[in-house]
Amino acid sequence: MNLTISGHHLEVTPALRTYVTTKLDRITRHFDQVVDVKVLLTVEKQKEKEKRQRAECNIHVKGSDLFAESSHEDLYAAVDELVDKLDRQVVRHKSKVQEHKHDTAKRLM
C-alpha cells in the first residue's frame, strides 16, 4: 500500500503522520486490496472558525476509487470522521465485490 500524506497551509508533523497511519490501519484490516492512499490535510483561512480544519482522502482499491472528506475545528477529530466515512465505504465495497450470488436459470422441460 502506497501512503501519501500532504499538508496544505500546514506542516505535517511526525505525530500527525503517525496518527493518520494508525487510523488508516483500520481500513486495511477490513480490506487488504488497497493499492494507493492519498491524504490531504488543510487549514482553510477564509472559513469561519468552527470548520477550518479539513481532511480529504482518495483511496484506490482493486476495482474502484473511494473518496471522502471531513471538516472540523480540530484536525484530529476531522481525521477521525474521515476514517469513519472511509471505513463504511470500504466495507460496502468489499461486500459488493464478494457477492457472487447469481440466480440460476430455470430449465424448461
PDB file of N, CA and C in Angstrom:
ATOM      1  N   MET A   1       0.842  -1.170   0.000  1.00  0.00           N
ATOM      2  CA  MET A   1       0.000   0.000   0.000  1.00  0.00           C
ATOM      3  C   MET A   1       0.891   1.238   0.000  1.00  0.00           C
ATOM      4  N   ASN A   2       0.657   2.116  -0.965  1.00  0.00           N
ATOM      5  CA  ASN A   2       1.363   3.387  -1.021  1.00  0.00           C
ATOM      6  C   ASN A   2       0.560   4.419  -0.256  1.00  0.00           C
ATOM      7  N   LEU A   3       1.198   5.095   0.681  1.00  0.00           N
ATOM      8  CA  LEU A   3       0.528   6.095   1.501  1.00  0.00           C
ATOM      9  C   LEU A   3       1.210   7.431   1.299  1.00  0.00           C
ATOM     10  N   THR A   4       0.428   8.449   0.912  1.00  0.00           N
ATOM     11  CA  THR A   4       0.937   9.801   0.733  1.00  0.00           C
ATOM     12  C   THR A   4       0.132  10.728   1.633  1.00  0.00           C
ATOM     13  N   ILE A   5       0.822  11.401   2.544  1.00  0.00           N
ATOM     14  CA  ILE A   5       0.171  12.366   3.434  1.00  0.00           C
ATOM     15  C   ILE A   5       0.782  13.723   3.137  1.00  0.00           C
ATOM     16  N   SER A   6      -0.050  14.678   2.747  1.00  0.00           N
ATOM     17  CA  SER A   6       0.456  16.008   2.446  1.00  0.00           C
ATOM     18  C   SER A   6      -0.395  17.048   3.156  1.00  0.00           C
ATOM     19  N   GLY A   7       0.192  18.204   3.366  1.00  0.00           N
ATOM     20  CA  GLY A   7      -0.497  19.280   4.056  1.00  0.00           C
ATOM     21  C   GLY A   7      -0.573  20.519   3.188  1.00  0.00           C
ATOM     22  N   HIS A   8      -1.665  21.233   3.315  1.00  0.00           N
ATOM     23  CA  HIS A   8      -1.866  22.478   2.597  1.00  0.00           C
ATOM     24  C   HIS A   8      -2.111  23.569   3.639  1.00  0.00           C
ATOM     25  N   HIS A   9      -1.246  24.543   3.699  1.00  0.00           N
ATOM     26  CA  HIS A   9      -1.253  25.603   4.713  1.00  0.00           C
ATOM     27  C   HIS A   9      -0.967  25.063   6.110  1.00  0.00           C
ATOM     28  N   LEU A  10      -0.302  23.924   6.188  1.00  0.00           N
ATOM     29  CA  LEU A  10       0.125  23.404   7.470  1.00  0.00           C
ATOM     30  C   LEU A  10       1.268  22.426   7.265  1.00  0.00           C
ATOM     31  N   GLU A  11       2.076  22.278   8.281  1.00  0.00           N
ATOM     32  CA  GLU A  11       3.184  21.333   8.243  1.00  0.00           C
ATOM     33  C   GLU A  11       2.722  20.015   8.863  1.00  0.00           C
ATOM     34  N   VAL A  12       2.979  18.941   8.162  1.00  0.00           N
ATOM     35  CA  VAL A  12       2.590  17.621   8.663  1.00  0.00           C
ATOM     36  C   VAL A  12       3.683  17.157   9.623  1.00  0.00           C
ATOM     37  N   THR A  13       3.358  17.159  10.906  1.00  0.00           N
ATOM     38  CA  THR A  13       4.320  16.777  11.935  1.00  0.00           C
ATOM     39  C   THR A  13       4.397  15.256  12.021  1.00  0.00           C
ATOM     40  N   PRO A  14       5.482  14.732  12.586  1.00  0.00           N
ATOM     41  CA  PRO A  14       5.565  13.275  12.749  1.00  0.00           C
ATOM     42  C   PRO A  14       4.432  12.702  13.605  1.00  0.00           C
ATOM     43  N   ALA A  15       3.982  13.451  14.611  1.00  0.00           N
ATOM     44  CA  ALA A  15       2.880  12.972  15.447  1.00  0.00           C
ATOM     45  C   ALA A  15       1.589  12.874  14.630  1.00  0.00           C
ATOM     46  N   LEU A  16       1.346  13.860  13.787  1.00  0.00           N
ATOM     47  CA  LEU A  16       0.160  13.848  12.944  1.00  0.00           C
ATOM     48  C   LEU A  16       0.250  12.728  11.909  1.00  0.00           C
ATOM     49  N   ARG A  17       1.437  12.501  11.383  1.00  0.00           N
ATOM     50  CA  ARG A  17       1.646  11.435  10.400  1.00  0.00           C
ATOM     51  C   ARG A  17       1.392  10.059  11.016  1.00  0.00           C
ATOM     52  N   THR A  18       1.893   9.827  12.226  1.00  0.00           N
ATOM     53  CA  THR A  18       1.668   8.531  12.879  1.00  0.00           C
ATOM     54  C   THR A  18       0.196   8.355  13.254  1.00  0.00           C
ATOM     55  N   TYR A  19      -0.472   9.445  13.632  1.00  0.00           N
ATOM     56  CA  TYR A  19      -1.893   9.359  13.973  1.00  0.00           C
ATOM     57  C   TYR A  19      -2.708   8.944  12.756  1.00  0.00           C
ATOM     58  N   VAL A  20      -2.422   9.551  11.610  1.00  0.00           N
ATOM     59  CA  VAL A  20      -3.156   9.220  10.392  1.00  0.00           C
ATOM     60  C   VAL A  20      -2.873   7.782   9.968  1.00  0.00           C
ATOM     61  N   THR A  21      -1.627   7.354  10.040  1.00  0.00           N
ATOM     62  CA  THR A  21      -1.300   5.984   9.621  1.00  0.00           C
ATOM     63  C   THR A  21      -1.932   4.946  10.546  1.00  0.00           C
ATOM     64  N   THR A  22      -1.973   5.209  11.851  1.00  0.00           N
ATOM     65  CA  THR A  22      -2.606   4.247  12.753  1.00  0.00           C
ATOM     66  C   THR A  22      -4.110   4.191  12.518  1.00  0.00           C
ATOM     67  N   LYS A  23      -4.728   5.316  12.188  1.00  0.00           N
ATOM     68  CA  LYS A  23      -6.165   5.308  11.902  1.00  0.00           C
ATOM     69  C   LYS A  23      -6.461   4.596  10.589  1.00  0.00           C
ATOM     70  N   LEU A  24      -5.585   4.762   9.586  1.00  0.00           N
ATOM     71  CA  LEU A  24      -5.813   4.125   8.294  1.00  0.00           C
ATOM     72  C   LEU A  24      -5.542   2.621   8.332  1.00  0.00           C
ATOM     73  N   ASP A  25      -4.871   2.146   9.368  1.00  0.00           N
ATOM     74  CA  ASP A  25      -4.683   0.706   9.516  1.00  0.00           C
ATOM     75  C   ASP A  25      -6.012  -0.016   9.688  1.00  0.00           C
ATOM     76  N   ARG A  26      -7.005   0.689  10.211  1.00  0.00           N
ATOM     77  CA  ARG A  26      -8.335   0.111  10.385  1.00  0.00           C
ATOM     78  C   ARG A  26      -8.954  -0.241   9.032  1.00  0.00           C
ATOM     79  N   ILE A  27      -8.671   0.565   8.019  1.00  0.00           N
ATOM     80  CA  ILE A  27      -9.217   0.306   6.691  1.00  0.00           C
ATOM     81  C   ILE A  27      -8.545  -0.912   6.075  1.00  0.00           C
ATOM     82  N   THR A  28      -7.232  -1.008   6.204  1.00  0.00           N
ATOM     83  CA  THR A  28      -6.529  -2.153   5.628  1.00  0.00           C
ATOM     84  C   THR A  28      -6.841  -3.435   6.387  1.00  0.00           C
ATOM     85  N   ARG A  29      -7.291  -3.323   7.623  1.00  0.00           N
ATOM     86  CA  ARG A  29      -7.695  -4.508   8.375  1.00  0.00           C
ATOM     87  C   ARG A  29      -8.989  -5.085   7.809  1.00  0.00           C
ATOM     88  N   HIS A  30      -9.885  -4.205   7.310  1.00  0.00           N
ATOM     89  CA  HIS A  30     -11.142  -4.678   6.744  1.00  0.00           C
ATOM     90  C   HIS A  30     -11.001  -5.141   5.303  1.00  0.00           C
ATOM     91  N   PHE A  31     -10.112  -4.508   4.554  1.00  0.00           N
ATOM     92  CA  PHE A  31      -9.997  -4.814   3.130  1.00  0.00           C
ATOM     93  C   PHE A  31      -8.529  -4.703   2.756  1.00  0.00           C
ATOM     94  N   ASP A  32      -7.911  -5.817   2.413  1.00  0.00           N
ATOM     95  CA  ASP A  32      -6.464  -5.815   2.211  1.00  0.00           C
ATOM     96  C   ASP A  32      -6.045  -5.511   0.783  1.00  0.00           C
ATOM     97  N   GLN A  33      -6.979  -5.257  -0.127  1.00  0.00           N
ATOM     98  CA  GLN A  33      -6.624  -4.976  -1.512  1.00  0.00           C
ATOM     99  C   GLN A  33      -6.562  -3.476  -1.792  1.00  0.00           C
ATOM    100  N   VAL A  34      -6.055  -2.707  -0.842  1.00  0.00           N
ATOM    101  CA  VAL A  34      -5.885  -1.265  -1.018  1.00  0.00           C
ATOM    102  C   VAL A  34      -4.565  -1.039  -1.738  1.00  0.00           C
ATOM    103  N   VAL A  35      -4.620  -0.322  -2.868  1.00  0.00           N
ATOM    104  CA  VAL A  35      -3.431  -0.106  -3.681  1.00  0.00           C
ATOM    105  C   VAL A  35      -2.732   1.187  -3.297  1.00  0.00           C
ATOM    106  N   ASP A  36      -3.488   2.281  -3.205  1.00  0.00           N
ATOM    107  CA  ASP A  36      -2.903   3.601  -3.031  1.00  0.00           C
ATOM    108  C   ASP A  36      -3.809   4.443  -2.146  1.00  0.00           C
ATOM    109  N   VAL A  37      -3.217   5.201  -1.215  1.00  0.00           N
ATOM    110  CA  VAL A  37      -3.964   6.090  -0.337  1.00  0.00           C
ATOM    111  C   VAL A  37      -3.295   7.457  -0.379  1.00  0.00           C
ATOM    112  N   LYS A  38      -4.093   8.503  -0.659  1.00  0.00           N
ATOM    113  CA  LYS A  38      -3.591   9.871  -0.659  1.00  0.00           C
ATOM    114  C   LYS A  38      -4.428  10.686   0.313  1.00  0.00           C
ATOM    115  N   VAL A  39      -3.770  11.266   1.319  1.00  0.00           N
ATOM    116  CA  VAL A  39      -4.447  12.051   2.339  1.00  0.00           C
ATOM    117  C   VAL A  39      -3.979  13.496   2.214  1.00  0.00           C
ATOM    118  N   LEU A  40      -4.928  14.430   2.202  1.00  0.00           N
ATOM    119  CA  LEU A  40      -4.613  15.849   2.140  1.00  0.00           C
ATOM    120  C   LEU A  40      -5.214  16.519   3.364  1.00  0.00           C
ATOM    121  N   LEU A  41      -4.366  17.129   4.166  1.00  0.00           N
ATOM    122  CA  LEU A  41      -4.793  17.838   5.372  1.00  0.00           C
ATOM    123  C   LEU A  41      -4.638  19.329   5.107  1.00  0.00           C
ATOM    124  N   THR A  42      -5.711  20.106   5.308  1.00  0.00           N
ATOM    125  CA  THR A  42      -5.654  21.535   5.023  1.00  0.00           C
ATOM    126  C   THR A  42      -6.208  22.339   6.190  1.00  0.00           C
ATOM    127  N   VAL A  43      -5.733  23.561   6.265  1.00  0.00           N
ATOM    128  CA  VAL A  43      -6.295  24.559   7.172  1.00  0.00           C
ATOM    129  C   VAL A  43      -6.760  25.700   6.284  1.00  0.00           C
ATOM    130  N   GLU A  44      -8.057  25.940   6.268  1.00  0.00           N
ATOM    131  CA  GLU A  44      -8.608  26.983   5.418  1.00  0.00           C
ATOM    132  C   GLU A  44      -8.691  28.272   6.206  1.00  0.00           C
ATOM    133  N   LYS A  45      -8.138  29.316   5.659  1.00  0.00           N
ATOM    134  CA  LYS A  45      -8.027  30.568   6.387  1.00  0.00           C
ATOM    135  C   LYS A  45      -9.258  31.461   6.236  1.00  0.00           C
ATOM    136  N   GLN A  46      -9.999  31.342   5.156  1.00  0.00           N
ATOM    137  CA  GLN A  46     -11.149  32.210   4.928  1.00  0.00           C
ATOM    138  C   GLN A  46     -12.417  31.738   5.617  1.00  0.00           C
ATOM    139  N   LYS A  47     -12.495  30.508   5.965  1.00  0.00           N
ATOM    140  CA  LYS A  47     -13.740  29.985   6.531  1.00  0.00           C
ATOM    141  C   LYS A  47     -13.914  30.426   7.980  1.00  0.00           C
ATOM    142  N   GLU A  48     -15.128  30.210   8.477  1.00  0.00           N
ATOM    143  CA  GLU A  48     -15.416  30.507   9.873  1.00  0.00           C
ATOM    144  C   GLU A  48     -14.593  29.609  10.774  1.00  0.00           C
ATOM    145  N   LYS A  49     -14.525  29.973  12.021  1.00  0.00           N
ATOM    146  CA  LYS A  49     -13.599  29.313  12.924  1.00  0.00           C
ATOM    147  C   LYS A  49     -13.951  27.861  13.183  1.00  0.00           C
ATOM    148  N   GLU A  50     -15.231  27.500  13.150  1.00  0.00           N
ATOM    149  CA  GLU A  50     -15.561  26.151  13.557  1.00  0.00           C
ATOM    150  C   GLU A  50     -15.333  25.100  12.502  1.00  0.00           C
ATOM    151  N   LYS A  51     -15.168  25.229  11.313  1.00  0.00           N
ATOM    152  CA  LYS A  51     -14.881  24.098  10.433  1.00  0.00           C
ATOM    153  C   LYS A  51     -13.715  24.439   9.525  1.00  0.00           C
ATOM    154  N   ARG A  52     -12.636  24.878  10.111  1.00  0.00           N
ATOM    155  CA  ARG A  52     -11.475  25.276   9.318  1.00  0.00           C
ATOM    156  C   ARG A  52     -10.548  24.116   9.002  1.00  0.00           C
ATOM    157  N   GLN A  53     -10.428  23.169   9.881  1.00  0.00           N
ATOM    158  CA  GLN A  53      -9.528  22.029   9.677  1.00  0.00           C
ATOM    159  C   GLN A  53     -10.228  21.022   8.773  1.00  0.00           C
ATOM    160  N   ARG A  54      -9.546  20.610   7.722  1.00  0.00           N
ATOM    161  CA  ARG A  54     -10.187  19.738   6.745  1.00  0.00           C
ATOM    162  C   ARG A  54      -9.267  18.589   6.382  1.00  0.00           C
ATOM    163  N   ALA A  55      -9.851  17.412   6.227  1.00  0.00           N
ATOM    164  CA  ALA A  55      -9.099  16.225   5.836  1.00  0.00           C
ATOM    165  C   ALA A  55      -9.808  15.579   4.652  1.00  0.00           C
ATOM    166  N   GLU A  56      -9.030  15.262   3.611  1.00  0.00           N
ATOM    167  CA  GLU A  56      -9.559  14.590   2.422  1.00  0.00           C
ATOM    168  C   GLU A  56      -8.735  13.349   2.173  1.00  0.00           C
ATOM    169  N   CYS A  57      -9.364  12.355   1.578  1.00  0.00           N
ATOM    170  CA  CYS A  57      -8.639  11.128   1.285  1.00  0.00           C
ATOM    171  C   CYS A  57      -9.170  10.479   0.017  1.00  0.00           C
ATOM    172  N   ASN A  58      -8.255  10.081  -0.852  1.00  0.00           N
ATOM    173  CA  ASN A  58      -8.555   9.275  -2.035  1.00  0.00           C
ATOM    174  C   ASN A  58      -7.948   7.901  -1.809  1.00  0.00           C
ATOM    175  N   ILE A  59      -8.753   6.876  -1.965  1.00  0.00           N
ATOM    176  CA  ILE A  59      -8.263   5.511  -1.819  1.00  0.00           C
ATOM    177  C   ILE A  59      -8.509   4.783  -3.130  1.00  0.00           C
ATOM    178  N   HIS A  60      -7.457   4.234  -3.666  1.00  0.00           N
ATOM    179  CA  HIS A  60      -7.571   3.417  -4.876  1.00  0.00           C
ATOM    180  C   HIS A  60      -7.521   1.961  -4.441  1.00  0.00           C
ATOM    181  N   VAL A  61      -8.671   1.289  -4.533  1.00  0.00           N
ATOM    182  CA  VAL A  61      -8.748  -0.132  -4.202  1.00  0.00           C
ATOM    183  C   VAL A  61      -8.924  -0.898  -5.498  1.00  0.00           C
ATOM    184  N   LYS A  62      -8.753  -2.183  -5.410  1.00  0.00           N
ATOM    185  CA  LYS A  62      -8.906  -3.015  -6.596  1.00  0.00           C
ATOM    186  C   LYS A  62     -10.354  -2.950  -7.059  1.00  0.00           C
ATOM    187  N   GLY A  63     -10.565  -2.310  -8.183  1.00  0.00           N
ATOM    188  CA  GLY A  63     -11.900  -2.225  -8.739  1.00  0.00           C
ATOM    189  C   GLY A  63     -12.490  -0.833  -8.788  1.00  0.00           C
ATOM    190  N   SER A  64     -12.097   0.076  -7.913  1.00  0.00           N
ATOM    191  CA  SER A  64     -12.670   1.422  -7.940  1.00  0.00           C
ATOM    192  C   SER A  64     -11.842   2.377  -7.092  1.00  0.00           C
ATOM    193  N   ASP A  65     -12.273   3.628  -7.093  1.00  0.00           N
ATOM    194  CA  ASP A  65     -11.667   4.661  -6.262  1.00  0.00           C
ATOM    195  C   ASP A  65     -12.698   5.142  -5.258  1.00  0.00           C
ATOM    196  N   LEU A  66     -12.259   5.395  -4.039  1.00  0.00           N
ATOM    197  CA  LEU A  66     -13.137   5.885  -2.984  1.00  0.00           C
ATOM    198  C   LEU A  66     -12.633   7.248  -2.530  1.00  0.00           C
ATOM    199  N   PHE A  67     -13.552   8.157  -2.229  1.00  0.00           N
ATOM    200  CA  PHE A  67     -13.184   9.498  -1.791  1.00  0.00           C
ATOM    201  C   PHE A  67     -14.048   9.891  -0.608  1.00  0.00           C
ATOM    202  N   ALA A  68     -13.429  10.569   0.353  1.00  0.00           N
ATOM    203  CA  ALA A  68     -14.179  11.105   1.485  1.00  0.00           C
ATOM    204  C   ALA A  68     -13.485  12.362   1.968  1.00  0.00           C
ATOM    205  N   GLU A  69     -14.271  13.253   2.575  1.00  0.00           N
ATOM    206  CA  GLU A  69     -13.705  14.461   3.162  1.00  0.00           C
ATOM    207  C   GLU A  69     -14.459  14.784   4.442  1.00  0.00           C
ATOM    208  N   SER A  70     -13.775  15.503   5.319  1.00  0.00           N
ATOM    209  CA  SER A  70     -14.372  15.843   6.594  1.00  0.00           C
ATOM    210  C   SER A  70     -13.805  17.180   7.067  1.00  0.00           C
ATOM    211  N   SER A  71     -14.645  17.999   7.690  1.00  0.00           N
ATOM    212  CA  SER A  71     -14.219  19.288   8.233  1.00  0.00           C
ATOM    213  C   SER A  71     -14.610  19.364   9.697  1.00  0.00           C
ATOM    214  N   HIS A  72     -13.724  19.944  10.492  1.00  0.00           N
ATOM    215  CA  HIS A  72     -13.978  20.070  11.928  1.00  0.00           C
ATOM    216  C   HIS A  72     -13.079  21.175  12.461  1.00  0.00           C
ATOM    217  N   GLU A  73     -13.343  21.605  13.685  1.00  0.00           N
ATOM    218  CA  GLU A  73     -12.482  22.636  14.268  1.00  0.00           C
ATOM    219  C   GLU A  73     -11.166  22.060  14.777  1.00  0.00           C
ATOM    220  N   ASP A  74     -11.115  20.755  14.997  1.00  0.00           N
ATOM    221  CA  ASP A  74      -9.900  20.073  15.420  1.00  0.00           C
ATOM    222  C   ASP A  74      -9.478  19.110  14.317  1.00  0.00           C
ATOM    223  N   LEU A  75      -8.210  19.135  13.939  1.00  0.00           N
ATOM    224  CA  LEU A  75      -7.739  18.304  12.835  1.00  0.00           C
ATOM    225  C   LEU A  75      -7.800  16.819  13.177  1.00  0.00           C
ATOM    226  N   TYR A  76      -7.528  16.472  14.413  1.00  0.00           N
ATOM    227  CA  TYR A  76      -7.594  15.062  14.816  1.00  0.00           C
ATOM    228  C   TYR A  76      -9.040  14.547  14.744  1.00  0.00           C
ATOM    229  N   ALA A  77      -9.997  15.379  15.121  1.00  0.00           N
ATOM    230  CA  ALA A  77     -11.409  14.983  15.018  1.00  0.00           C
ATOM    231  C   ALA A  77     -11.826  14.867  13.560  1.00  0.00           C
ATOM    232  N   ALA A  78     -11.285  15.726  12.700  1.00  0.00           N
ATOM    233  CA  ALA A  78     -11.574  15.633  11.267  1.00  0.00           C
ATOM    234  C   ALA A  78     -11.022  14.333  10.692  1.00  0.00           C
ATOM    235  N   VAL A  79      -9.846  13.922  11.142  1.00  0.00           N
ATOM    236  CA  VAL A  79      -9.268  12.654  10.685  1.00  0.00           C
ATOM    237  C   VAL A  79     -10.112  11.487  11.179  1.00  0.00           C
ATOM    238  N   ASP A  80     -10.602  11.568  12.412  1.00  0.00           N
ATOM    239  CA  ASP A  80     -11.467  10.502  12.942  1.00  0.00           C
ATOM    240  C   ASP A  80     -12.742  10.355  12.112  1.00  0.00           C
ATOM    241  N   GLU A  81     -13.398  11.484  11.797  1.00  0.00           N
ATOM    242  CA  GLU A  81     -14.607  11.437  10.979  1.00  0.00           C
ATOM    243  C   GLU A  81     -14.305  10.909   9.582  1.00  0.00           C
ATOM    244  N   LEU A  82     -13.171  11.304   9.041  1.00  0.00           N
ATOM    245  CA  LEU A  82     -12.768  10.864   7.709  1.00  0.00           C
ATOM    246  C   LEU A  82     -12.581   9.353   7.668  1.00  0.00           C
ATOM    247  N   VAL A  83     -11.917   8.811   8.660  1.00  0.00           N
ATOM    248  CA  VAL A  83     -11.677   7.363   8.692  1.00  0.00           C
ATOM    249  C   VAL A  83     -12.981   6.606   8.896  1.00  0.00           C
ATOM    250  N   ASP A  84     -13.903   7.170   9.673  1.00  0.00           N
ATOM    251  CA  ASP A  84     -15.215   6.524   9.833  1.00  0.00           C
ATOM    252  C   ASP A  84     -15.954   6.450   8.501  1.00  0.00           C
ATOM    253  N   LYS A  85     -15.933   7.541   7.740  1.00  0.00           N
ATOM    254  CA  LYS A  85     -16.599   7.548   6.436  1.00  0.00           C
ATOM    255  C   LYS A  85     -15.937   6.558   5.481  1.00  0.00           C
ATOM    256  N   LEU A  86     -14.620   6.564   5.455  1.00  0.00           N
ATOM    257  CA  LEU A  86     -13.903   5.662   4.566  1.00  0.00           C
ATOM    258  C   LEU A  86     -14.116   4.206   4.954  1.00  0.00           C
ATOM    259  N   ASP A  87     -14.184   3.944   6.239  1.00  0.00           N
ATOM    260  CA  ASP A  87     -14.398   2.578   6.711  1.00  0.00           C
ATOM    261  C   ASP A  87     -15.743   2.048   6.228  1.00  0.00           C
ATOM    262  N   ARG A  88     -16.778   2.882   6.305  1.00  0.00           N
ATOM    263  CA  ARG A  88     -18.094   2.466   5.814  1.00  0.00           C
ATOM    264  C   ARG A  88     -18.060   2.210   4.307  1.00  0.00           C
ATOM    265  N   GLN A  89     -17.364   3.075   3.568  1.00  0.00           N
ATOM    266  CA  GLN A  89     -17.284   2.894   2.116  1.00  0.00           C
ATOM    267  C   GLN A  89     -16.524   1.627   1.753  1.00  0.00           C
ATOM    268  N   VAL A  90     -15.438   1.353   2.469  1.00  0.00           N
ATOM    269  CA  VAL A  90     -14.628   0.172   2.171  1.00  0.00           C
ATOM    270  C   VAL A  90     -15.406  -1.100   2.491  1.00  0.00           C
ATOM    271  N   VAL A  91     -16.129  -1.114   3.592  1.00  0.00           N
ATOM    272  CA  VAL A  91     -16.925  -2.293   3.946  1.00  0.00           C
ATOM    273  C   VAL A  91     -18.019  -2.513   2.914  1.00  0.00           C
ATOM    274  N   ARG A  92     -18.652  -1.433   2.445  1.00  0.00           N
ATOM    275  CA  ARG A  92     -19.683  -1.555   1.417  1.00  0.00           C
ATOM    276  C   ARG A  92     -19.079  -2.063   0.108  1.00  0.00           C
ATOM    277  N   HIS A  93     -17.912  -1.548  -0.256  1.00  0.00           N
ATOM    278  CA  HIS A  93     -17.237  -2.006  -1.479  1.00  0.00           C
ATOM    279  C   HIS A  93     -16.845  -3.479  -1.373  1.00  0.00           C
ATOM    280  N   LYS A  94     -16.374  -3.872  -0.211  1.00  0.00           N
ATOM    281  CA  LYS A  94     -15.976  -5.268  -0.012  1.00  0.00           C
ATOM    282  C   LYS A  94     -17.179  -6.194  -0.140  1.00  0.00           C
ATOM    283  N   SER A  95     -18.307  -5.781   0.410  1.00  0.00           N
ATOM    284  CA  SER A  95     -19.495  -6.635   0.309  1.00  0.00           C
ATOM    285  C   SER A  95     -19.993  -6.718  -1.132  1.00  0.00           C
ATOM    286  N   LYS A  96     -19.849  -5.647  -1.904  1.00  0.00           N
ATOM    287  CA  LYS A  96     -20.248  -5.698  -3.314  1.00  0.00           C
ATOM    288  C   LYS A  96     -19.324  -6.609  -4.106  1.00  0.00           C
ATOM    289  N   VAL A  97     -18.052  -6.577  -3.806  1.00  0.00           N
ATOM    290  CA  VAL A  97     -17.092  -7.404  -4.528  1.00  0.00           C
ATOM    291  C   VAL A  97     -17.295  -8.877  -4.198  1.00  0.00           C
ATOM    292  N   GLN A  98     -17.613  -9.186  -2.945  1.00  0.00           N
ATOM    293  CA  GLN A  98     -17.720 -10.577  -2.522  1.00  0.00           C
ATOM    294  C   GLN A  98     -19.048 -11.217  -2.860  1.00  0.00           C
ATOM    295  N   GLU A  99     -20.054 -10.440  -3.242  1.00  0.00           N
ATOM    296  CA  GLU A  99     -21.346 -11.036  -3.579  1.00  0.00           C
ATOM    297  C   GLU A  99     -21.261 -11.658  -4.962  1.00  0.00           C
ATOM    298  N   HIS A 100     -21.319 -12.964  -5.007  1.00  0.00           N
ATOM    299  CA  HIS A 100     -21.264 -13.681  -6.269  1.00  0.00           C
ATOM    300  C   HIS A 100     -22.529 -14.501  -6.480  1.00  0.00           C
ATOM    301  N   LYS A 101     -23.603 -14.082  -5.878  1.00  0.00           N
ATOM    302  CA  LYS A 101     -24.846 -14.822  -5.995  1.00  0.00           C
ATOM    303  C   LYS A 101     -25.515 -14.475  -7.311  1.00  0.00           C
ATOM    304  N   HIS A 102     -25.772 -15.468  -8.084  1.00  0.00           N
ATOM    305  CA  HIS A 102     -26.487 -15.294  -9.337  1.00  0.00           C
ATOM    306  C   HIS A 102     -27.682 -16.229  -9.332  1.00  0.00           C
ATOM    307  N   ASP A 103     -28.771 -15.724  -9.804  1.00  0.00           N
ATOM    308  CA  ASP A 103     -29.952 -16.581  -9.913  1.00  0.00           C
ATOM    309  C   ASP A 103     -29.728 -17.581 -11.043  1.00  0.00           C
ATOM    310  N   THR A 104     -29.949 -18.817 -10.731  1.00  0.00           N
ATOM    311  CA  THR A 104     -29.793 -19.837 -11.760  1.00  0.00           C
ATOM    312  C   THR A 104     -30.995 -19.814 -12.682  1.00  0.00           C
ATOM    313  N   ALA A 105     -30.726 -20.015 -13.917  1.00  0.00           N
ATOM    314  CA  ALA A 105     -31.821 -20.043 -14.897  1.00  0.00           C
ATOM    315  C   ALA A 105     -32.587 -21.344 -14.747  1.00  0.00           C
ATOM    316  N   LYS A 106     -33.876 -21.253 -14.718  1.00  0.00           N
ATOM    317  CA  LYS A 106     -34.697 -22.466 -14.590  1.00  0.00           C
ATOM    318  C   LYS A 106     -34.761 -23.153 -15.939  1.00  0.00           C
ATOM    319  N   ARG A 107     -34.578 -24.420 -15.866  1.00  0.00           N
ATOM    320  CA  ARG A 107     -34.607 -25.194 -17.118  1.00  0.00           C
ATOM    321  C   ARG A 107     -36.047 -25.501 -17.490  1.00  0.00           C
ATOM    322  N   LEU A 108     -36.293 -25.358 -18.766  1.00  0.00           N
ATOM    323  CA  LEU A 108     -37.631 -25.687 -19.268  1.00  0.00           C
ATOM    324  C   LEU A 108     -37.674 -27.152 -19.656  1.00  0.00           C
ATOM    325  N   MET A 109     -38.724 -27.833 -19.276  1.00  0.00           N
ATOM    326  CA  MET A 109     -38.841 -29.265 -19.604  1.00  0.00           C
ATOM    327  C   MET A 109     -39.846 -29.490 -20.670  1.00  0.00           C
TER     328      MET A 109
END
